[in-house]
Amino acid sequence: MSVGLVTEWSATRSPERAAGWLGRWLDIPLTIGVSLFALGAAFAPRMGGWLEFNRSAVMAGEWWRILTGHFVHWNLDHLMWDLLVFVVLSAMCERRNQMRFVVTLSAAAVLISAATWWLLPDVASYRGLSGLDTAIFALLAVSNLQECWQRRQWLGVAVVSGLVVALAAKIGFEAVTGGTWFVDASRGGFRPVPLAHVVGGLCGVVCALRLSEEKE
């Protein structure tokens, strides 16, 4: 009797569990799409050259590079650090408010490339999700900071503020030293672009402050 009850309970629960798992993934289609695209580009050797932000190619009319340059990377180490941060933060942001997430990501992608084009004329090519990572980090941090402040959760305010200070320190370190905290840029043959992180962070802050918190 007990075995029969357990079997029946398992049969009932399995579809519910599967549906719940599937629903959680369907909640974050953009996160999944961008991640798969970045992974696919990493394992297709020629795609980096076709998709990177390249100043000469953009001037020749290859405008897609303004957006696609964010999704290709210089080496596997660069990809894995950027993608790990992207997946974790994007999943949280997309579930919390998909509209704000899409607007933030789109605005940051365009404005980072525009800032690189106009303010860093010596940068011939650019790759990586790190600028977008900074944008969604700022979006999530400011949203949580507002929430903790309104609820008078001072420990939360302190923790989130500490994370923001750590991000600012990271960007400052990159600007001063030309190095990175996590990725070995010299081994990958590239140098960090702190401006991308500054612009991405500002996009995230503005979107968090100006766009509605209501979930779509």
C-alpha atoms as a PDB file:
ATOM      1  CA  MET A   1       0.000   0.000   0.000  1.00  0.00           C
ATOM      2  CA  SER A   2       2.728   2.447   1.012  1.00  0.00           C
ATOM      3  CA  VAL A   3       4.773   1.652  -2.095  1.00  0.00           C
ATOM      4  CA  GLY A   4       1.748   2.323  -4.259  1.00  0.00           C
ATOM      5  CA  LEU A   5       1.141   5.658  -2.573  1.00  0.00           C
ATOM      6  CA  VAL A   6       4.769   6.712  -3.036  1.00  0.00           C
ATOM      7  CA  THR A   7       4.681   5.731  -6.709  1.00  0.00           C
ATOM      8  CA  GLU A   8       1.462   7.640  -7.254  1.00  0.00           C
ATOM      9  CA  TRP A   9       2.830  10.727  -5.451  1.00  0.00           C
ATOM     10  CA  SER A  10       6.039  10.637  -7.539  1.00  0.00           C
ATOM     11  CA  ALA A  11       4.085  10.327 -10.781  1.00  0.00           C
ATOM     12  CA  THR A  12       1.955  13.297  -9.761  1.00  0.00           C
ATOM     13  CA  ARG A  13       4.857  15.445  -8.654  1.00  0.00           C
ATOM     14  CA  SER A  14       7.232  14.767 -11.579  1.00  0.00           C
ATOM     15  CA  PRO A  15       5.236  16.692 -14.224  1.00  0.00           C
ATOM     16  CA  GLU A  16       4.775  19.564 -11.769  1.00  0.00           C
ATOM     17  CA  ARG A  17       8.492  19.634 -11.027  1.00  0.00           C
ATOM     18  CA  ALA A  18       9.354  19.482 -14.741  1.00  0.00           C
ATOM     19  CA  ALA A  19       6.887  22.260 -15.528  1.00  0.00           C
ATOM     20  CA  GLY A  20       8.337  24.421 -12.762  1.00  0.00           C
ATOM     21  CA  TRP A  21      11.879  23.863 -14.016  1.00  0.00           C
ATOM     22  CA  LEU A  22      10.854  24.671 -17.581  1.00  0.00           C
ATOM     23  CA  GLY A  23       8.964  27.767 -16.451  1.00  0.00           C
ATOM     24  CA  ARG A  24      12.012  29.129 -14.663  1.00  0.00           C
ATOM     25  CA  TRP A  25      14.080  28.859 -17.833  1.00  0.00           C
ATOM     26  CA  LEU A  26      11.336  30.327 -20.008  1.00  0.00           C
ATOM     27  CA  ASP A  27      11.344  33.378 -17.725  1.00  0.00           C
ATOM     28  CA  ILE A  28      14.818  34.356 -18.942  1.00  0.00           C
ATOM     29  CA  PRO A  29      14.857  33.973 -22.751  1.00  0.00           C
ATOM     30  CA  LEU A  30      17.234  36.890 -23.389  1.00  0.00           C
ATOM     31  CA  THR A  31      19.734  35.662 -20.813  1.00  0.00           C
ATOM     32  CA  ILE A  32      19.730  32.222 -22.412  1.00  0.00           C
ATOM     33  CA  GLY A  33      19.886  33.584 -25.960  1.00  0.00           C
ATOM     34  CA  VAL A  34      22.820  35.908 -25.320  1.00  0.00           C
ATOM     35  CA  SER A  35      24.699  33.214 -23.402  1.00  0.00           C
ATOM     36  CA  LEU A  36      24.278  30.634 -26.160  1.00  0.00           C
ATOM     37  CA  PHE A  37      25.292  33.188 -28.780  1.00  0.00           C
ATOM     38  CA  ALA A  38      28.466  34.089 -26.866  1.00  0.00           C
ATOM     39  CA  LEU A  39      29.335  30.421 -26.382  1.00  0.00           C
ATOM     40  CA  GLY A  40      28.702  29.629 -30.038  1.00  0.00           C
ATOM     41  CA  ALA A  41      30.865  32.530 -31.165  1.00  0.00           C
ATOM     42  CA  ALA A  42      33.705  31.328 -28.939  1.00  0.00           C
ATOM     43  CA  PHE A  43      33.822  27.948 -30.643  1.00  0.00           C
ATOM     44  CA  ALA A  44      33.554  29.273 -34.192  1.00  0.00           C
ATOM     45  CA  PRO A  45      37.055  30.660 -34.848  1.00  0.00           C
ATOM     46  CA  ARG A  46      36.106  33.152 -37.569  1.00  0.00           C
ATOM     47  CA  MET A  47      33.118  34.677 -35.802  1.00  0.00           C
ATOM     48  CA  GLY A  48      35.212  36.878 -33.541  1.00  0.00           C
ATOM     49  CA  GLY A  49      36.668  38.666 -36.544  1.00  0.00           C
ATOM     50  CA  TRP A  50      33.251  39.049 -38.162  1.00  0.00           C
ATOM     51  CA  LEU A  51      31.458  40.297 -35.062  1.00  0.00           C
ATOM     52  CA  GLU A  52      33.927  42.322 -32.983  1.00  0.00           C
ATOM     53  CA  PHE A  53      33.642  46.100 -32.730  1.00  0.00           C
ATOM     54  CA  ASN A  54      36.224  47.084 -35.324  1.00  0.00           C
ATOM     55  CA  ARG A  55      36.619  50.758 -36.133  1.00  0.00           C
ATOM     56  CA  SER A  56      37.699  50.305 -39.738  1.00  0.00           C
ATOM     57  CA  ALA A  57      34.963  47.770 -40.468  1.00  0.00           C
ATOM     58  CA  VAL A  58      32.277  49.989 -38.922  1.00  0.00           C
ATOM     59  CA  MET A  59      33.458  52.896 -41.051  1.00  0.00           C
ATOM     60  CA  ALA A  60      33.114  50.607 -44.072  1.00  0.00           C
ATOM     61  CA  GLY A  61      29.431  50.091 -43.237  1.00  0.00           C
ATOM     62  CA  GLU A  62      29.458  46.972 -41.039  1.00  0.00           C
ATOM     63  CA  TRP A  63      27.148  48.562 -38.459  1.00  0.00           C
ATOM     64  CA  TRP A  64      26.148  45.309 -36.757  1.00  0.00           C
ATOM     65  CA  ARG A  65      29.522  45.313 -35.014  1.00  0.00           C
ATOM     66  CA  ILE A  66      28.329  48.134 -32.745  1.00  0.00           C
ATOM     67  CA  LEU A  67      26.121  45.545 -31.012  1.00  0.00           C
ATOM     68  CA  THR A  68      27.748  42.193 -31.720  1.00  0.00           C
ATOM     69  CA  GLY A  69      31.163  43.234 -30.431  1.00  0.00           C
ATOM     70  CA  HIS A  70      29.867  42.793 -26.889  1.00  0.00           C
ATOM     71  CA  PHE A  71      29.189  39.103 -27.426  1.00  0.00           C
ATOM     72  CA  VAL A  72      32.602  37.904 -28.625  1.00  0.00           C
ATOM     73  CA  HIS A  73      35.752  37.539 -26.543  1.00  0.00           C
ATOM     74  CA  TRP A  74      39.510  37.417 -26.893  1.00  0.00           C
ATOM     75  CA  ASN A  75      40.067  34.004 -25.294  1.00  0.00           C
ATOM     76  CA  LEU A  76      38.323  31.337 -23.221  1.00  0.00           C
ATOM     77  CA  ASP A  77      39.367  32.884 -19.894  1.00  0.00           C
ATOM     78  CA  HIS A  78      37.890  36.223 -20.950  1.00  0.00           C
ATOM     79  CA  LEU A  79      34.657  34.508 -22.059  1.00  0.00           C
ATOM     80  CA  MET A  80      34.158  32.404 -18.945  1.00  0.00           C
ATOM     81  CA  TRP A  81      34.545  35.259 -16.449  1.00  0.00           C
ATOM     82  CA  ASP A  82      32.310  37.599 -18.451  1.00  0.00           C
ATOM     83  CA  LEU A  83      29.701  34.936 -19.126  1.00  0.00           C
ATOM     84  CA  LEU A  84      29.572  33.661 -15.549  1.00  0.00           C
ATOM     85  CA  VAL A  85      28.801  37.157 -14.254  1.00  0.00           C
ATOM     86  CA  PHE A  86      26.340  37.776 -17.085  1.00  0.00           C
ATOM     87  CA  VAL A  87      24.305  34.612 -16.498  1.00  0.00           C
ATOM     88  CA  VAL A  88      23.981  35.139 -12.740  1.00  0.00           C
ATOM     89  CA  LEU A  89      23.116  38.842 -12.845  1.00  0.00           C
ATOM     90  CA  SER A  90      20.990  38.706 -15.991  1.00  0.00           C
ATOM     91  CA  ALA A  91      18.828  35.867 -14.702  1.00  0.00           C
ATOM     92  CA  MET A  92      18.028  37.900 -11.577  1.00  0.00           C
ATOM     93  CA  CYS A  93      17.376  41.117 -13.502  1.00  0.00           C
ATOM     94  CA  GLU A  94      15.282  39.512 -16.231  1.00  0.00           C
ATOM     95  CA  ARG A  95      13.066  37.710 -13.730  1.00  0.00           C
ATOM     96  CA  ARG A  96      12.657  40.840 -11.636  1.00  0.00           C
ATOM     97  CA  ASN A  97      11.630  43.172 -14.466  1.00  0.00           C
ATOM     98  CA  GLN A  98      12.102  42.046 -18.047  1.00  0.00           C
ATOM     99  CA  MET A  99      11.310  45.411 -19.628  1.00  0.00           C
ATOM    100  CA  ARG A 100      13.908  47.292 -17.580  1.00  0.00           C
ATOM    101  CA  PHE A 101      16.435  44.560 -18.267  1.00  0.00           C
ATOM    102  CA  VAL A 102      15.939  44.759 -22.047  1.00  0.00           C
ATOM    103  CA  VAL A 103      16.106  48.567 -22.072  1.00  0.00           C
ATOM    104  CA  THR A 104      19.228  48.605 -19.905  1.00  0.00           C
ATOM    105  CA  LEU A 105      21.020  46.004 -22.003  1.00  0.00           C
ATOM    106  CA  SER A 106      20.100  47.709 -25.284  1.00  0.00           C
ATOM    107  CA  ALA A 107      21.036  51.199 -24.116  1.00  0.00           C
ATOM    108  CA  ALA A 108      24.333  50.020 -22.653  1.00  0.00           C
ATOM    109  CA  ALA A 109      25.271  48.089 -25.816  1.00  0.00           C
ATOM    110  CA  VAL A 110      24.785  51.163 -28.010  1.00  0.00           C
ATOM    111  CA  LEU A 111      26.215  53.782 -25.641  1.00  0.00           C
ATOM    112  CA  ILE A 112      29.339  51.788 -24.740  1.00  0.00           C
ATOM    113  CA  SER A 113      30.194  51.409 -28.420  1.00  0.00           C
ATOM    114  CA  ALA A 114      29.403  55.081 -29.081  1.00  0.00           C
ATOM    115  CA  ALA A 115      31.594  56.221 -26.179  1.00  0.00           C
ATOM    116  CA  THR A 116      34.428  53.972 -27.340  1.00  0.00           C
ATOM    117  CA  TRP A 117      34.099  55.351 -30.865  1.00  0.00           C
ATOM    118  CA  TRP A 118      34.106  59.034 -29.905  1.00  0.00           C
ATOM    119  CA  LEU A 119      36.228  59.150 -26.751  1.00  0.00           C
ATOM    120  CA  LEU A 120      38.818  56.442 -27.436  1.00  0.00           C
ATOM    121  CA  PRO A 121      39.930  56.929 -31.042  1.00  0.00           C
ATOM    122  CA  ASP A 122      43.043  54.826 -30.386  1.00  0.00           C
ATOM    123  CA  VAL A 123      40.934  51.729 -29.641  1.00  0.00           C
ATOM    124  CA  ALA A 124      40.753  49.912 -32.959  1.00  0.00           C
ATOM    125  CA  SER A 125      38.732  46.910 -31.746  1.00  0.00           C
ATOM    126  CA  TYR A 126      36.654  45.925 -28.742  1.00  0.00           C
ATOM    127  CA  ARG A 127      35.196  42.675 -27.457  1.00  0.00           C
ATOM    128  CA  GLY A 128      33.464  41.434 -24.348  1.00  0.00           C
ATOM    129  CA  LEU A 129      30.383  41.343 -22.139  1.00  0.00           C
ATOM    130  CA  SER A 130      32.024  43.138 -19.222  1.00  0.00           C
ATOM    131  CA  GLY A 131      30.509  46.534 -20.034  1.00  0.00           C
ATOM    132  CA  LEU A 132      27.044  44.972 -20.165  1.00  0.00           C
ATOM    133  CA  ASP A 133      27.825  43.043 -16.977  1.00  0.00           C
ATOM    134  CA  THR A 134      28.533  46.355 -15.266  1.00  0.00           C
ATOM    135  CA  ALA A 135      25.265  47.812 -16.550  1.00  0.00           C
ATOM    136  CA  ILE A 136      23.110  45.013 -15.167  1.00  0.00           C
ATOM    137  CA  PHE A 137      25.103  44.945 -11.921  1.00  0.00           C
ATOM    138  CA  ALA A 138      24.327  48.649 -11.455  1.00  0.00           C
ATOM    139  CA  LEU A 139      20.669  48.078 -12.364  1.00  0.00           C
ATOM    140  CA  LEU A 140      20.335  45.305  -9.799  1.00  0.00           C
ATOM    141  CA  ALA A 141      22.356  47.122  -7.118  1.00  0.00           C
ATOM    142  CA  VAL A 142      20.437  50.398  -7.330  1.00  0.00           C
ATOM    143  CA  SER A 143      17.080  48.581  -7.428  1.00  0.00           C
ATOM    144  CA  ASN A 144      17.971  46.598  -4.311  1.00  0.00           C
ATOM    145  CA  LEU A 145      19.408  49.669  -2.611  1.00  0.00           C
ATOM    146  CA  GLN A 146      16.146  51.546  -3.151  1.00  0.00           C
ATOM    147  CA  GLU A 147      14.162  48.607  -1.834  1.00  0.00           C
ATOM    148  CA  CYS A 148      16.329  48.169   1.274  1.00  0.00           C
ATOM    149  CA  TRP A 149      16.225  51.900   1.998  1.00  0.00           C
ATOM    150  CA  GLN A 150      12.436  52.066   1.744  1.00  0.00           C
ATOM    151  CA  ARG A 151      12.100  49.076   4.079  1.00  0.00           C
ATOM    152  CA  ARG A 152      14.779  50.451   6.445  1.00  0.00           C
ATOM    153  CA  GLN A 153      16.850  47.296   6.040  1.00  0.00           C
ATOM    154  CA  TRP A 154      20.128  48.930   6.968  1.00  0.00           C
ATOM    155  CA  LEU A 155      22.210  45.761   6.739  1.00  0.00           C
ATOM    156  CA  GLY A 156      21.066  45.338   3.144  1.00  0.00           C
ATOM    157  CA  VAL A 157      21.904  48.977   2.436  1.00  0.00           C
ATOM    158  CA  ALA A 158      25.405  48.444   3.836  1.00  0.00           C
ATOM    159  CA  VAL A 159      26.007  45.236   1.881  1.00  0.00           C
ATOM    160  CA  VAL A 160      24.833  46.627  -1.450  1.00  0.00           C
ATOM    161  CA  SER A 161      26.762  49.875  -0.892  1.00  0.00           C
ATOM    162  CA  GLY A 162      29.883  47.821  -0.204  1.00  0.00           C
ATOM    163  CA  LEU A 163      29.443  45.950  -3.480  1.00  0.00           C
ATOM    164  CA  VAL A 164      29.074  49.231  -5.371  1.00  0.00           C
ATOM    165  CA  VAL A 165      32.245  50.571  -3.760  1.00  0.00           C
ATOM    166  CA  ALA A 166      34.074  47.353  -4.719  1.00  0.00           C
ATOM    167  CA  LEU A 167      32.946  47.797  -8.338  1.00  0.00           C
ATOM    168  CA  ALA A 168      34.156  51.406  -8.343  1.00  0.00           C
ATOM    169  CA  ALA A 169      37.506  50.250  -6.919  1.00  0.00           C
ATOM    170  CA  LYS A 170      37.801  47.618  -9.653  1.00  0.00           C
ATOM    171  CA  ILE A 171      37.167  50.179 -12.394  1.00  0.00           C
ATOM    172  CA  GLY A 172      39.617  52.602 -10.778  1.00  0.00           C
ATOM    173  CA  PHE A 173      42.266  49.875 -10.576  1.00  0.00           C
ATOM    174  CA  GLU A 174      41.841  49.116 -14.273  1.00  0.00           C
ATOM    175  CA  ALA A 175      42.032  52.802 -15.209  1.00  0.00           C
ATOM    176  CA  VAL A 176      45.205  53.417 -13.194  1.00  0.00           C
ATOM    177  CA  THR A 177      47.127  50.206 -13.821  1.00  0.00           C
ATOM    178  CA  GLY A 178      45.828  49.047 -17.201  1.00  0.00           C
ATOM    179  CA  GLY A 179      45.376  45.590 -15.640  1.00  0.00           C
ATOM    180  CA  THR A 180      42.388  43.529 -14.559  1.00  0.00           C
ATOM    181  CA  TRP A 181      41.358  41.793 -11.359  1.00  0.00           C
ATOM    182  CA  PHE A 182      40.192  38.468 -12.749  1.00  0.00           C
ATOM    183  CA  VAL A 183      41.211  37.999 -16.382  1.00  0.00           C
ATOM    184  CA  ASP A 184      44.859  37.852 -17.461  1.00  0.00           C
ATOM    185  CA  ALA A 185      44.587  40.516 -20.153  1.00  0.00           C
ATOM    186  CA  SER A 186      48.259  40.346 -21.126  1.00  0.00           C
ATOM    187  CA  ARG A 187      47.998  36.639 -21.891  1.00  0.00           C
ATOM    188  CA  GLY A 188      44.893  37.284 -23.973  1.00  0.00           C
ATOM    189  CA  GLY A 189      46.652  40.039 -25.915  1.00  0.00           C
ATOM    190  CA  PHE A 190      44.194  42.791 -25.039  1.00  0.00           C
ATOM    191  CA  ARG A 191      43.807  45.639 -22.566  1.00  0.00           C
ATOM    192  CA  PRO A 192      40.774  46.589 -20.491  1.00  0.00           C
ATOM    193  CA  VAL A 193      38.558  49.505 -21.465  1.00  0.00           C
ATOM    194  CA  PRO A 194      37.457  51.108 -18.157  1.00  0.00           C
ATOM    195  CA  LEU A 195      35.316  53.610 -20.055  1.00  0.00           C
ATOM    196  CA  ALA A 196      33.037  50.730 -21.109  1.00  0.00           C
ATOM    197  CA  HIS A 197      32.445  49.879 -17.461  1.00  0.00           C
ATOM    198  CA  VAL A 198      31.803  53.495 -16.492  1.00  0.00           C
ATOM    199  CA  VAL A 199      29.274  53.979 -19.296  1.00  0.00           C
ATOM    200  CA  GLY A 200      27.630  50.624 -18.577  1.00  0.00           C
ATOM    201  CA  GLY A 201      27.361  51.434 -14.891  1.00  0.00           C
ATOM    202  CA  LEU A 202      25.781  54.823 -15.605  1.00  0.00           C
ATOM    203  CA  CYS A 203      23.233  53.192 -17.930  1.00  0.00           C
ATOM    204  CA  GLY A 204      22.267  50.747 -15.196  1.00  0.00           C
ATOM    205  CA  VAL A 205      21.892  53.508 -12.598  1.00  0.00           C
ATOM    206  CA  VAL A 206      19.768  55.709 -14.866  1.00  0.00           C
ATOM    207  CA  CYS A 207      17.493  52.839 -15.896  1.00  0.00           C
ATOM    208  CA  ALA A 208      17.030  51.761 -12.277  1.00  0.00           C
ATOM    209  CA  LEU A 209      16.057  55.282 -11.240  1.00  0.00           C
ATOM    210  CA  ARG A 210      13.930  56.271 -14.225  1.00  0.00           C
ATOM    211  CA  LEU A 211      12.033  53.157 -15.298  1.00  0.00           C
ATOM    212  CA  SER A 212       9.037  51.670 -13.490  1.00  0.00           C
ATOM    213  CA  GLU A 213       9.704  48.867 -11.015  1.00  0.00           C
ATOM    214  CA  GLU A 214       6.429  47.137 -11.912  1.00  0.00           C
ATOM    215  CA  LYS A 215       6.992  43.680 -13.355  1.00  0.00           C
ATOM    216  CA  GLU A 216       5.871  43.018 -16.872  1.00  0.00           C
END
